[in-house]
N, C-alpha and C. Protein backbone atom coordinates (compact mmCIF):
# COMPACT_ATOMS: atom_id res chain seq x y z
N MET A 1 -123.15 -27.88 7.68
CA MET A 1 -122.63 -28.35 6.43
C MET A 1 -121.73 -27.30 5.77
N TYR A 2 -122.12 -26.03 5.79
CA TYR A 2 -121.32 -24.95 5.19
C TYR A 2 -120.45 -24.25 6.22
N GLY A 3 -120.68 -24.52 7.49
CA GLY A 3 -119.95 -23.87 8.56
C GLY A 3 -120.89 -23.09 9.46
N ASN A 4 -120.38 -22.62 10.57
CA ASN A 4 -121.17 -21.89 11.55
C ASN A 4 -121.73 -20.59 10.96
N LYS A 5 -123.04 -20.43 11.04
CA LYS A 5 -123.74 -19.24 10.53
C LYS A 5 -123.56 -19.04 9.04
N ARG A 6 -123.32 -20.13 8.28
CA ARG A 6 -123.18 -20.08 6.82
C ARG A 6 -124.29 -20.94 6.24
N TYR A 7 -125.00 -20.39 5.26
CA TYR A 7 -126.16 -21.08 4.69
C TYR A 7 -126.08 -21.07 3.17
N GLY A 8 -126.49 -22.18 2.58
CA GLY A 8 -126.43 -22.32 1.13
C GLY A 8 -127.78 -22.14 0.47
N GLY A 9 -127.72 -21.83 -0.81
CA GLY A 9 -128.93 -21.69 -1.60
C GLY A 9 -129.24 -22.97 -2.36
N GLU A 10 -130.12 -22.87 -3.31
CA GLU A 10 -130.52 -24.01 -4.12
C GLU A 10 -129.35 -24.45 -5.01
N PRO A 11 -128.89 -25.71 -4.89
CA PRO A 11 -127.78 -26.16 -5.73
C PRO A 11 -128.22 -26.36 -7.18
N PHE A 12 -127.25 -26.21 -8.08
CA PHE A 12 -127.49 -26.39 -9.51
C PHE A 12 -126.44 -27.37 -10.03
N PHE A 13 -126.88 -28.41 -10.74
CA PHE A 13 -125.95 -29.39 -11.31
C PHE A 13 -125.56 -28.99 -12.72
N LEU A 14 -124.26 -28.95 -12.98
CA LEU A 14 -123.73 -28.61 -14.29
C LEU A 14 -122.91 -29.80 -14.79
N PRO A 15 -123.42 -30.54 -15.80
CA PRO A 15 -122.69 -31.72 -16.28
C PRO A 15 -121.39 -31.33 -16.99
N THR A 16 -120.37 -32.14 -16.80
CA THR A 16 -119.11 -31.93 -17.52
C THR A 16 -119.31 -32.19 -19.00
N ASN A 17 -120.02 -33.27 -19.29
CA ASN A 17 -120.33 -33.66 -20.66
C ASN A 17 -121.75 -34.20 -20.68
N PRO A 18 -122.67 -33.54 -21.37
CA PRO A 18 -124.07 -33.99 -21.37
C PRO A 18 -124.25 -35.42 -21.89
N ASN A 19 -123.27 -35.94 -22.64
CA ASN A 19 -123.37 -37.29 -23.19
C ASN A 19 -122.63 -38.33 -22.36
N SER A 20 -122.17 -37.95 -21.17
CA SER A 20 -121.41 -38.86 -20.32
C SER A 20 -122.26 -40.04 -19.86
N GLU A 21 -121.62 -41.18 -19.74
CA GLU A 21 -122.29 -42.39 -19.24
C GLU A 21 -122.43 -42.35 -17.72
N THR A 22 -121.63 -41.52 -17.06
CA THR A 22 -121.66 -41.42 -15.61
C THR A 22 -122.67 -40.35 -15.20
N GLU A 23 -123.67 -40.75 -14.43
CA GLU A 23 -124.77 -39.86 -14.08
C GLU A 23 -124.33 -38.60 -13.34
N ASP A 24 -123.37 -38.71 -12.44
CA ASP A 24 -122.97 -37.56 -11.63
C ASP A 24 -121.64 -36.95 -12.09
N ASP A 25 -121.32 -37.08 -13.37
CA ASP A 25 -120.10 -36.50 -13.93
C ASP A 25 -120.33 -35.01 -14.19
N GLY A 26 -119.93 -34.19 -13.24
CA GLY A 26 -120.14 -32.75 -13.37
C GLY A 26 -119.87 -32.04 -12.06
N TYR A 27 -120.46 -30.88 -11.92
CA TYR A 27 -120.22 -30.04 -10.76
C TYR A 27 -121.53 -29.56 -10.16
N ILE A 28 -121.50 -29.35 -8.86
CA ILE A 28 -122.62 -28.77 -8.14
C ILE A 28 -122.23 -27.33 -7.81
N LEU A 29 -123.06 -26.39 -8.22
CA LEU A 29 -122.80 -24.97 -7.95
C LEU A 29 -123.84 -24.49 -6.95
N THR A 30 -123.39 -23.77 -5.95
CA THR A 30 -124.32 -23.21 -4.97
C THR A 30 -123.77 -21.91 -4.39
N PHE A 31 -124.67 -21.00 -4.08
CA PHE A 31 -124.30 -19.77 -3.40
C PHE A 31 -124.34 -20.01 -1.91
N VAL A 32 -123.34 -19.50 -1.19
CA VAL A 32 -123.27 -19.63 0.26
C VAL A 32 -123.14 -18.23 0.84
N HIS A 33 -123.93 -17.97 1.87
CA HIS A 33 -123.88 -16.66 2.53
C HIS A 33 -123.43 -16.85 3.97
N ASP A 34 -122.51 -16.01 4.40
CA ASP A 34 -121.99 -16.03 5.77
C ASP A 34 -122.70 -14.93 6.56
N GLU A 35 -123.50 -15.33 7.54
CA GLU A 35 -124.27 -14.36 8.34
C GLU A 35 -123.38 -13.52 9.25
N LYS A 36 -122.20 -14.02 9.60
CA LYS A 36 -121.30 -13.25 10.48
C LYS A 36 -120.58 -12.14 9.73
N THR A 37 -120.10 -12.44 8.54
CA THR A 37 -119.34 -11.45 7.77
C THR A 37 -120.18 -10.72 6.74
N TRP A 38 -121.38 -11.24 6.47
CA TRP A 38 -122.32 -10.69 5.48
C TRP A 38 -121.73 -10.72 4.07
N LYS A 39 -120.97 -11.79 3.79
CA LYS A 39 -120.37 -11.97 2.47
C LYS A 39 -120.91 -13.25 1.83
N SER A 40 -120.93 -13.26 0.51
CA SER A 40 -121.41 -14.42 -0.23
C SER A 40 -120.31 -14.95 -1.13
N GLU A 41 -120.43 -16.22 -1.50
CA GLU A 41 -119.49 -16.85 -2.40
C GLU A 41 -120.20 -17.90 -3.24
N LEU A 42 -119.61 -18.22 -4.36
CA LEU A 42 -120.09 -19.31 -5.20
C LEU A 42 -119.18 -20.49 -4.94
N GLN A 43 -119.74 -21.61 -4.51
CA GLN A 43 -118.95 -22.81 -4.29
C GLN A 43 -119.18 -23.78 -5.44
N ILE A 44 -118.08 -24.36 -5.92
CA ILE A 44 -118.14 -25.34 -7.00
C ILE A 44 -117.60 -26.65 -6.44
N VAL A 45 -118.48 -27.66 -6.45
CA VAL A 45 -118.17 -28.95 -5.83
C VAL A 45 -118.17 -30.04 -6.90
N ASN A 46 -117.17 -30.91 -6.85
CA ASN A 46 -117.11 -32.05 -7.75
C ASN A 46 -118.24 -33.00 -7.35
N ALA A 47 -119.15 -33.30 -8.27
CA ALA A 47 -120.34 -34.10 -7.95
C ALA A 47 -120.00 -35.58 -7.73
N ILE A 48 -118.88 -36.05 -8.24
CA ILE A 48 -118.52 -37.45 -8.07
C ILE A 48 -117.97 -37.71 -6.67
N ASN A 49 -117.00 -36.89 -6.23
CA ASN A 49 -116.38 -37.14 -4.92
C ASN A 49 -116.80 -36.14 -3.84
N LEU A 50 -117.65 -35.19 -4.20
CA LEU A 50 -118.18 -34.17 -3.29
C LEU A 50 -117.10 -33.31 -2.64
N GLN A 51 -115.97 -33.13 -3.34
CA GLN A 51 -114.90 -32.27 -2.85
C GLN A 51 -115.07 -30.87 -3.42
N LEU A 52 -114.81 -29.87 -2.58
CA LEU A 52 -114.86 -28.48 -3.01
C LEU A 52 -113.74 -28.23 -4.01
N GLU A 53 -114.09 -27.80 -5.22
CA GLU A 53 -113.10 -27.53 -6.27
C GLU A 53 -112.69 -26.06 -6.28
N ALA A 54 -113.65 -25.17 -5.99
CA ALA A 54 -113.35 -23.73 -6.01
C ALA A 54 -114.38 -22.99 -5.17
N SER A 55 -113.95 -21.86 -4.65
CA SER A 55 -114.83 -20.96 -3.91
C SER A 55 -114.53 -19.55 -4.43
N ILE A 56 -115.54 -18.93 -5.00
CA ILE A 56 -115.36 -17.61 -5.62
C ILE A 56 -116.07 -16.57 -4.77
N LYS A 57 -115.29 -15.66 -4.22
CA LYS A 57 -115.84 -14.58 -3.39
C LYS A 57 -116.60 -13.61 -4.29
N LEU A 58 -117.77 -13.21 -3.85
CA LEU A 58 -118.62 -12.31 -4.65
C LEU A 58 -118.60 -10.90 -4.06
N PRO A 59 -118.74 -9.88 -4.91
CA PRO A 59 -118.63 -8.49 -4.43
C PRO A 59 -119.84 -8.02 -3.63
N SER A 60 -120.95 -8.74 -3.70
CA SER A 60 -122.12 -8.33 -2.92
C SER A 60 -122.88 -9.56 -2.47
N ARG A 61 -123.78 -9.36 -1.54
CA ARG A 61 -124.56 -10.46 -0.97
C ARG A 61 -125.53 -11.02 -2.02
N VAL A 62 -125.63 -12.34 -2.05
CA VAL A 62 -126.64 -13.00 -2.88
C VAL A 62 -127.79 -13.38 -1.95
N PRO A 63 -128.99 -12.88 -2.21
CA PRO A 63 -130.11 -13.14 -1.29
C PRO A 63 -130.55 -14.59 -1.30
N TYR A 64 -131.06 -15.04 -0.17
CA TYR A 64 -131.63 -16.38 -0.09
C TYR A 64 -132.80 -16.46 -1.07
N GLY A 65 -132.96 -17.61 -1.70
CA GLY A 65 -134.05 -17.78 -2.65
C GLY A 65 -133.68 -17.36 -4.06
N PHE A 66 -132.43 -16.89 -4.26
CA PHE A 66 -131.99 -16.52 -5.60
C PHE A 66 -131.99 -17.76 -6.48
N HIS A 67 -132.53 -17.65 -7.67
CA HIS A 67 -132.56 -18.76 -8.62
C HIS A 67 -131.88 -18.31 -9.91
N GLY A 68 -131.05 -19.16 -10.43
CA GLY A 68 -130.36 -18.85 -11.68
C GLY A 68 -130.90 -19.70 -12.81
N THR A 69 -130.89 -19.13 -13.98
CA THR A 69 -131.26 -19.87 -15.19
C THR A 69 -130.08 -19.76 -16.14
N PHE A 70 -129.63 -20.90 -16.61
CA PHE A 70 -128.47 -20.91 -17.48
C PHE A 70 -128.90 -21.33 -18.86
N ILE A 71 -128.64 -20.46 -19.84
CA ILE A 71 -128.99 -20.74 -21.22
C ILE A 71 -127.77 -20.42 -22.08
N ASP A 72 -127.73 -21.03 -23.25
CA ASP A 72 -126.59 -20.73 -24.12
C ASP A 72 -126.88 -19.49 -24.97
N THR A 73 -125.87 -19.04 -25.70
CA THR A 73 -125.95 -17.78 -26.45
C THR A 73 -127.08 -17.76 -27.45
N LYS A 74 -127.28 -18.86 -28.19
CA LYS A 74 -128.34 -18.86 -29.21
C LYS A 74 -129.72 -18.73 -28.58
N ASP A 75 -129.92 -19.33 -27.41
CA ASP A 75 -131.21 -19.18 -26.74
C ASP A 75 -131.40 -17.77 -26.19
N LEU A 76 -130.32 -17.15 -25.77
CA LEU A 76 -130.38 -15.78 -25.26
C LEU A 76 -130.79 -14.82 -26.38
N VAL A 77 -130.27 -15.00 -27.57
CA VAL A 77 -130.62 -14.17 -28.73
C VAL A 77 -132.11 -14.29 -29.02
N ASN A 78 -132.65 -15.48 -28.87
CA ASN A 78 -134.08 -15.70 -29.13
C ASN A 78 -134.99 -15.03 -28.10
N GLN A 79 -134.44 -14.64 -26.96
CA GLN A 79 -135.22 -13.98 -25.91
C GLN A 79 -135.51 -12.52 -26.26
N ALA A 80 -134.70 -11.93 -27.12
CA ALA A 80 -134.82 -10.50 -27.43
C ALA A 80 -136.07 -10.20 -28.23
């Protein structure tokens, strides 16, 4: 699915608009690691048509099992 010797992590759905009537209106974000080159990237996929929108090369490897939590600024302030 990601290519030869390329493996993806846990996908995360990011809605374009939380109030949208369309259930899959948003993007799927996932980390992909290439075992041959030992490089990682963040892939951003359109959730409606499943087309790759962007691939962002990362400066270091993202380990398998990495989980991200996304919160907004006001919630981050409350964590302190």
